[in-house]
């Protein structure tokens, strides 16, 4: 699993990438990032200040059939406001993942997409 962080208007957001086996697709998740919990042990990666939180948008990018279209699922029991710049960043990440999956499929290497 890998993720990217972005700060916008004092809030932190994360885009997390992982393979969703039940969906046979790459999942690209948008969440509000949460601060790294303080522990007694020293943080081995002090540069990491935030981690992905609970996803509220998940794009599923099929990697085995380029004819299947990506989809976006919304997970939120409450109304949530997503700033335009954050939504653009998320959709750019999704578009990049779609491109990687399609290139890998054409080259016959779907497992090489990560």
Protein backbone atom coordinates (compact mmCIF):
# COMPACT_ATOMS: atom_id res chain seq x y z
CA UNK A 1 0.00 0.00 0.00
CA UNK A 2 1.18 3.46 -0.77
CA UNK A 3 -0.33 6.85 -0.18
CA UNK A 4 0.13 10.53 -0.88
CA UNK A 5 -0.72 13.41 1.42
CA UNK A 6 -1.84 16.94 0.69
CA UNK A 7 -2.71 19.87 2.90
CA UNK A 8 -5.47 22.26 1.87
CA UNK A 9 -6.80 25.16 3.95
CA UNK A 10 -5.31 23.72 7.14
CA UNK A 11 -6.74 20.21 6.65
CA UNK A 12 -4.80 17.15 5.58
CA UNK A 13 -6.06 14.70 2.96
CA UNK A 14 -4.70 11.36 1.83
CA UNK A 15 -4.99 9.30 -1.33
CA UNK A 16 -4.31 5.63 -0.63
CA UNK A 17 -3.65 3.01 -3.33
CA UNK A 18 -4.25 -0.71 -2.81
CA UNK A 19 -5.55 -3.73 -4.68
CA UNK A 20 -9.16 -4.64 -3.87
CA UNK A 21 -9.19 -8.36 -4.52
CA UNK A 22 -12.98 -8.84 -4.25
CA UNK A 23 -13.45 -6.21 -6.98
CA UNK A 24 -10.49 -7.31 -9.14
CA UNK A 25 -9.53 -3.67 -9.29
CA UNK A 26 -7.15 -1.11 -7.91
CA UNK A 27 -8.73 1.06 -5.23
CA UNK A 28 -7.81 4.71 -5.01
CA UNK A 29 -9.20 6.06 -1.73
CA UNK A 30 -9.65 9.67 -0.61
CA UNK A 31 -9.75 10.36 3.11
CA UNK A 32 -9.09 13.08 5.58
CA UNK A 33 -5.66 12.28 6.97
CA UNK A 34 -5.26 11.78 10.70
CA UNK A 35 -2.25 12.74 12.80
CA UNK A 36 0.23 9.97 13.58
CA UNK A 37 -0.54 8.84 17.13
CA UNK A 38 2.03 9.78 19.73
CA UNK A 39 3.69 6.72 21.21
CA UNK A 40 6.35 6.11 23.82
CA UNK A 41 8.73 4.80 21.17
CA UNK A 42 10.42 7.23 18.84
CA UNK A 43 8.83 7.42 15.39
CA UNK A 44 11.28 5.72 12.98
CA UNK A 45 9.97 7.91 10.16
CA UNK A 46 9.57 11.31 11.80
CA UNK A 47 8.78 12.87 8.42
CA UNK A 48 5.39 11.13 8.47
CA UNK A 49 3.02 13.34 10.44
CA UNK A 50 -0.32 12.08 9.08
CA UNK A 51 -1.77 8.77 7.92
CA UNK A 52 -4.79 7.98 5.74
CA UNK A 53 -8.08 7.99 7.66
CA UNK A 54 -11.36 6.31 6.83
CA UNK A 55 -12.07 6.59 3.10
CA UNK A 56 -15.05 8.64 1.98
CA UNK A 57 -14.46 8.34 -1.77
CA UNK A 58 -13.15 5.18 -3.43
CA UNK A 59 -12.42 4.87 -7.13
CA UNK A 60 -12.21 1.29 -8.38
CA UNK A 61 -9.99 0.88 -11.44
CA UNK A 62 -10.33 -2.53 -13.13
CA UNK A 63 -6.97 -3.86 -14.27
CA UNK A 64 -7.90 -7.06 -16.10
CA UNK A 65 -10.30 -5.68 -18.72
CA UNK A 66 -9.68 -2.23 -20.23
CA UNK A 67 -13.29 -2.16 -21.45
CA UNK A 68 -14.58 -2.02 -17.86
CA UNK A 69 -14.99 1.55 -16.70
CA UNK A 70 -13.67 2.86 -13.40
CA UNK A 71 -16.33 3.67 -10.81
CA UNK A 72 -16.44 5.93 -7.77
CA UNK A 73 -18.14 4.93 -4.52
CA UNK A 74 -19.13 7.45 -1.88
CA UNK A 75 -18.88 6.38 1.77
CA UNK A 76 -20.16 8.95 4.22
CA UNK A 77 -23.00 8.83 6.70
CA UNK A 78 -22.72 12.62 7.09
CA UNK A 79 -22.66 15.38 4.55
CA UNK A 80 -19.06 16.04 3.59
CA UNK A 81 -17.59 19.00 1.76
CA UNK A 82 -14.63 18.23 -0.48
CA UNK A 83 -12.72 21.31 -1.68
CA UNK A 84 -12.49 21.59 -5.44
CA UNK A 85 -8.67 21.46 -5.46
CA UNK A 86 -8.69 18.29 -3.36
CA UNK A 87 -11.26 16.68 -5.67
CA UNK A 88 -9.13 17.61 -8.72
CA UNK A 89 -6.05 16.11 -7.06
CA UNK A 90 -7.96 12.91 -6.26
CA UNK A 91 -9.33 12.60 -9.81
CA UNK A 92 -5.84 13.21 -11.25
CA UNK A 93 -4.58 10.32 -9.11
CA UNK A 94 -7.45 8.15 -10.40
CA UNK A 95 -6.73 9.13 -14.01
CA UNK A 96 -3.05 8.25 -13.54
CA UNK A 97 -4.02 4.84 -12.11
CA UNK A 98 -6.36 4.19 -15.05
CA UNK A 99 -3.52 5.01 -17.44
CA UNK A 100 -1.07 2.72 -15.60
CA UNK A 101 -3.59 -0.15 -15.62
CA UNK A 102 -4.31 0.21 -19.31
CA UNK A 103 -0.64 0.38 -20.25
CA UNK A 104 0.14 -2.67 -18.12
CA UNK A 105 -2.79 -4.57 -19.65
CA UNK A 106 -1.59 -3.77 -23.16
CA UNK A 107 1.88 -4.99 -22.22
CA UNK A 108 0.43 -8.13 -20.63
CA UNK A 109 1.66 -7.20 -17.15
CA UNK A 110 -1.41 -6.41 -14.99
CA UNK A 111 0.49 -7.16 -11.77
CA UNK A 112 3.07 -4.49 -12.64
CA UNK A 113 0.62 -1.64 -12.15
CA UNK A 114 1.42 -0.66 -8.56
